[in-house]
Protein backbone atom coordinates (compact mmCIF):
# COMPACT_ATOMS: atom_id res chain seq x y z
CA UNK A 1 0.04 0.01 0.05
CA UNK A 2 2.81 2.44 -0.71
CA UNK A 3 0.67 4.32 -3.25
CA UNK A 4 -1.88 5.40 -0.60
CA UNK A 5 0.14 8.51 0.22
CA UNK A 6 0.55 9.60 -3.36
CA UNK A 7 -1.50 12.65 -4.37
CA UNK A 8 -1.72 13.01 -8.17
CA UNK A 9 -3.76 15.57 -10.11
CA UNK A 10 -7.09 14.09 -11.26
CA UNK A 11 -6.07 14.45 -14.93
CA UNK A 12 -3.48 11.63 -14.27
CA UNK A 13 -6.53 9.28 -14.60
CA UNK A 14 -6.39 9.94 -18.36
CA UNK A 15 -2.49 10.62 -18.70
CA UNK A 16 -0.88 7.24 -17.91
CA UNK A 17 2.59 7.31 -19.06
CA UNK A 18 5.46 8.63 -17.04
CA UNK A 19 6.69 10.85 -19.87
CA UNK A 20 3.15 12.20 -20.38
CA UNK A 21 2.80 13.00 -16.64
CA UNK A 22 6.26 14.69 -16.70
CA UNK A 23 5.20 16.77 -19.68
CA UNK A 24 1.93 17.79 -18.05
CA UNK A 25 3.82 18.89 -14.81
CA UNK A 26 6.03 21.04 -17.06
CA UNK A 27 3.26 22.61 -19.01
CA UNK A 28 0.84 23.17 -16.01
CA UNK A 29 3.68 25.17 -14.34
CA UNK A 30 3.74 27.82 -17.13
CA UNK A 31 1.52 30.96 -17.06
CA UNK A 32 -0.23 32.76 -19.67
CA UNK A 33 -3.14 32.21 -22.16
CA UNK A 34 -0.76 30.40 -24.73
CA UNK A 35 0.53 28.04 -22.14
CA UNK A 36 -2.93 27.20 -20.86
CA UNK A 37 -4.17 26.57 -24.34
CA UNK A 38 -1.16 24.35 -24.97
CA UNK A 39 -1.81 22.45 -21.79
CA UNK A 40 -5.32 21.87 -22.77
CA UNK A 41 -4.39 20.59 -26.17
CA UNK A 42 -1.77 18.33 -24.74
CA UNK A 43 -4.31 16.82 -22.26
CA UNK A 44 -6.76 16.07 -25.10
CA UNK A 45 -4.06 14.40 -27.17
CA UNK A 46 -2.43 12.48 -24.35
CA UNK A 47 -5.79 11.25 -23.19
CA UNK A 48 -6.74 9.89 -26.59
CA UNK A 49 -3.25 8.16 -26.99
CA UNK A 50 -3.40 6.67 -23.59
CA UNK A 51 -7.01 5.60 -23.30
CA UNK A 52 -6.27 1.87 -23.94
CA UNK A 53 -3.33 1.72 -21.61
CA UNK A 54 -3.82 0.32 -18.07
CA UNK A 55 -3.91 2.80 -15.29
CA UNK A 56 -0.45 2.53 -13.43
CA UNK A 57 -2.14 3.88 -10.24
CA UNK A 58 -4.61 1.11 -9.99
CA UNK A 59 -3.50 -1.88 -8.02
CA UNK A 60 -4.14 -5.24 -9.46
CA UNK A 61 -6.45 -7.55 -7.63
CA UNK A 62 -3.94 -10.33 -7.09
């Protein structure tokens, strides 16, 4: 149960790869309209690409 103490943004439900989550953290730290628009676009594309991948934050039942 070492994952119980991890607090991730809710968007990590849809962004499942480590590199995608790192890019999200980078983009979300930027300010300005262009940065927020790029972040929104990134989340949409990343969610579409990762939708079939298993969620790494979910524990398996075994």
